[in-house]
C-alpha atoms as a PDB file:
ATOM      1  CA  MET A   1     -25.791 -20.953  54.245  1.00  0.00           C
ATOM      2  CA  LEU A   2     -24.039 -21.307  57.731  1.00  0.00           C
ATOM      3  CA  SER A   3     -26.826 -20.710  60.786  1.00  0.00           C
ATOM      4  CA  ALA A   4     -25.147 -18.519  63.177  1.00  0.00           C
ATOM      5  CA  ALA A   5     -26.074 -21.830  65.775  1.00  0.00           C
ATOM      6  CA  SER A   6     -23.699 -24.276  64.110  1.00  0.00           C
ATOM      7  CA  GLN A   7     -20.721 -21.896  63.183  1.00  0.00           C
ATOM      8  CA  ALA A   8     -21.337 -21.085  67.322  1.00  0.00           C
ATOM      9  CA  GLU A   9     -21.937 -25.358  68.340  1.00  0.00           C
ATOM     10  CA  GLY A  10     -18.292 -25.520  66.009  1.00  0.00           C
ATOM     11  CA  LEU A  11     -16.749 -23.677  67.833  1.00  0.00           C
ATOM     12  CA  LYS A  12     -17.722 -24.830  70.630  1.00  0.00           C
ATOM     13  CA  MET A  13     -17.223 -28.113  70.244  1.00  0.00           C
ATOM     14  CA  ARG A  14     -13.339 -27.099  68.227  1.00  0.00           C
ATOM     15  CA  CYS A  15     -12.238 -25.254  71.594  1.00  0.00           C
ATOM     16  CA  ALA A  16     -13.440 -27.997  73.991  1.00  0.00           C
ATOM     17  CA  GLU A  17     -11.397 -30.193  71.681  1.00  0.00           C
ATOM     18  CA  GLN A  18      -7.881 -27.900  72.367  1.00  0.00           C
ATOM     19  CA  SER A  19      -8.081 -28.667  75.863  1.00  0.00           C
ATOM     20  CA  LYS A  20      -6.946 -32.650  74.971  1.00  0.00           C
ATOM     21  CA  ASN A  21      -5.794 -32.022  71.891  1.00  0.00           C
ATOM     22  CA  GLY A  22      -3.282 -29.232  72.005  1.00  0.00           C
ATOM     23  CA  GLU A  23      -3.799 -25.181  70.692  1.00  0.00           C
ATOM     24  CA  LEU A  24      -4.799 -24.786  67.059  1.00  0.00           C
ATOM     25  CA  ARG A  25      -4.159 -21.950  64.202  1.00  0.00           C
ATOM     26  CA  ARG A  26      -4.497 -21.094  61.104  1.00  0.00           C
ATOM     27  CA  GLU A  27      -3.096 -19.403  59.049  1.00  0.00           C
ATOM     28  CA  LEU A  28      -3.260 -17.716  55.400  1.00  0.00           C
ATOM     29  CA  VAL A  29      -0.419 -18.622  52.463  1.00  0.00           C
ATOM     30  CA  ARG A  30      -0.809 -15.030  51.418  1.00  0.00           C
ATOM     31  CA  ALA A  31       0.799 -15.432  47.905  1.00  0.00           C
ATOM     32  CA  SER A  32      -1.921 -17.762  47.539  1.00  0.00           C
ATOM     33  CA  LEU A  33      -5.295 -15.570  47.858  1.00  0.00           C
ATOM     34  CA  GLU A  34      -7.074 -14.751  44.706  1.00  0.00           C
ATOM     35  CA  VAL A  35     -10.495 -12.900  45.272  1.00  0.00           C
ATOM     36  CA  TYR A  36     -12.822 -12.705  41.749  1.00  0.00           C
ATOM     37  CA  PRO A  37     -16.180 -11.055  41.582  1.00  0.00           C
ATOM     38  CA  ILE A  38     -19.081 -12.993  40.540  1.00  0.00           C
ATOM     39  CA  LYS A  39     -21.656 -10.367  38.840  1.00  0.00           C
ATOM     40  CA  ASN A  40     -24.690 -10.361  40.771  1.00  0.00           C
ATOM     41  CA  TYR A  41     -23.484 -11.626  43.542  1.00  0.00           C
ATOM     42  CA  GLY A  42     -20.853 -11.274  45.796  1.00  0.00           C
ATOM     43  CA  ALA A  43     -16.990 -12.919  44.875  1.00  0.00           C
ATOM     44  CA  VAL A  44     -15.350 -15.940  45.707  1.00  0.00           C
ATOM     45  CA  GLU A  45     -12.141 -16.173  47.701  1.00  0.00           C
ATOM     46  CA  ILE A  46      -9.864 -18.811  46.928  1.00  0.00           C
ATOM     47  CA  GLY A  47      -6.376 -19.857  48.647  1.00  0.00           C
ATOM     48  CA  THR A  48      -4.411 -22.062  51.094  1.00  0.00           C
ATOM     49  CA  HIS A  49      -4.259 -22.771  54.625  1.00  0.00           C
ATOM     50  CA  ASN A  50      -0.900 -23.585  56.807  1.00  0.00           C
ATOM     51  CA  PHE A  51      -2.609 -25.119  60.017  1.00  0.00           C
ATOM     52  CA  TYR A  52      -1.113 -25.805  63.408  1.00  0.00           C
ATOM     53  CA  ARG A  53      -0.887 -27.522  66.619  1.00  0.00           C
ATOM     54  CA  THR A  54       1.259 -26.705  69.699  1.00  0.00           C
ATOM     55  CA  LEU A  55       1.029 -29.018  72.173  1.00  0.00           C
ATOM     56  CA  PRO A  56       1.647 -28.384  76.231  1.00  0.00           C
ATOM     57  CA  GLY A  57       5.572 -28.427  76.619  1.00  0.00           C
ATOM     58  CA  LYS A  58       5.963 -28.415  72.711  1.00  0.00           C
ATOM     59  CA  PRO A  59       6.662 -26.346  70.264  1.00  0.00           C
ATOM     60  CA  GLU A  60       3.842 -25.456  67.535  1.00  0.00           C
ATOM     61  CA  LYS A  61       4.391 -27.492  64.841  1.00  0.00           C
ATOM     62  CA  LEU A  62       2.950 -27.673  60.737  1.00  0.00           C
ATOM     63  CA  THR A  63       0.794 -30.888  60.545  1.00  0.00           C
ATOM     64  CA  THR A  64      -2.095 -29.745  58.153  1.00  0.00           C
ATOM     65  CA  VAL A  65      -1.710 -27.570  54.653  1.00  0.00           C
ATOM     66  CA  ALA A  66      -5.324 -27.029  52.294  1.00  0.00           C
ATOM     67  CA  LYS A  67      -6.955 -25.285  50.246  1.00  0.00           C
ATOM     68  CA  PHE A  68     -10.358 -23.351  50.961  1.00  0.00           C
ATOM     69  CA  MET A  69     -13.099 -21.268  48.967  1.00  0.00           C
ATOM     70  CA  HIS A  70     -15.592 -18.708  50.125  1.00  0.00           C
ATOM     71  CA  ILE A  71     -18.267 -17.736  48.373  1.00  0.00           C
ATOM     72  CA  TRP A  72     -19.288 -14.139  49.751  1.00  0.00           C
ATOM     73  CA  GLN A  73     -22.904 -12.619  48.747  1.00  0.00           C
ATOM     74  CA  GLN A  74     -23.175  -8.542  49.229  1.00  0.00           C
ATOM     75  CA  ASP A  75     -26.732  -7.580  49.976  1.00  0.00           C
ATOM     76  CA  GLY A  76     -26.325  -3.924  49.450  1.00  0.00           C
ATOM     77  CA  LYS A  77     -23.508  -2.537  52.027  1.00  0.00           C
ATOM     78  CA  GLN A  78     -23.362  -6.196  53.787  1.00  0.00           C
ATOM     79  CA  TRP A  79     -21.142  -9.380  52.596  1.00  0.00           C
ATOM     80  CA  ARG A  80     -21.295 -12.251  54.210  1.00  0.00           C
ATOM     81  CA  VAL A  81     -19.844 -15.678  53.485  1.00  0.00           C
ATOM     82  CA  SER A  82     -22.831 -17.811  51.713  1.00  0.00           C
ATOM     83  CA  ARG A  83     -20.417 -21.063  51.427  1.00  0.00           C
ATOM     84  CA  ILE A  84     -17.172 -22.079  53.034  1.00  0.00           C
ATOM     85  CA  ILE A  85     -15.108 -25.427  51.240  1.00  0.00           C
ATOM     86  CA  SER A  86     -12.458 -27.007  52.783  1.00  0.00           C
ATOM     87  CA  TYR A  87      -9.976 -29.839  50.698  1.00  0.00           C
ATOM     88  CA  ALA A  88      -7.423 -30.735  49.204  1.00  0.00           C
ATOM     89  CA  HIS A  89      -6.085 -31.311  53.069  1.00  0.00           C
ATOM     90  CA  SER A  90      -2.513 -32.867  53.662  1.00  0.00           C
ATOM     91  CA  ALA A  91      -0.934 -33.509  56.069  1.00  0.00           C
ATOM     92  CA  THR A  92       2.560 -32.508  56.612  1.00  0.00           C
ATOM     93  CA  ASP A  93       4.216 -35.105  58.996  1.00  0.00           C
END
């Protein structure tokens, strides 16, 4: 499972990169989303994300399309992501 510290460090690094590499945005391709229950554990969420970049003074541009899988664990009433898998990244340039 991802720790809060590792997630915070990753976010900190991505934010620092945005100042020199432009603003990044990820958007779910809504029609791609699939969710399936996992008995006695939680659920799996599968789909596709589009990644956009905006450089200073330029319009936003689609740069990458990628697939993802999130494994969700249910503990009582609480749900948390136990694994994130991102794959099949393809540049649109």
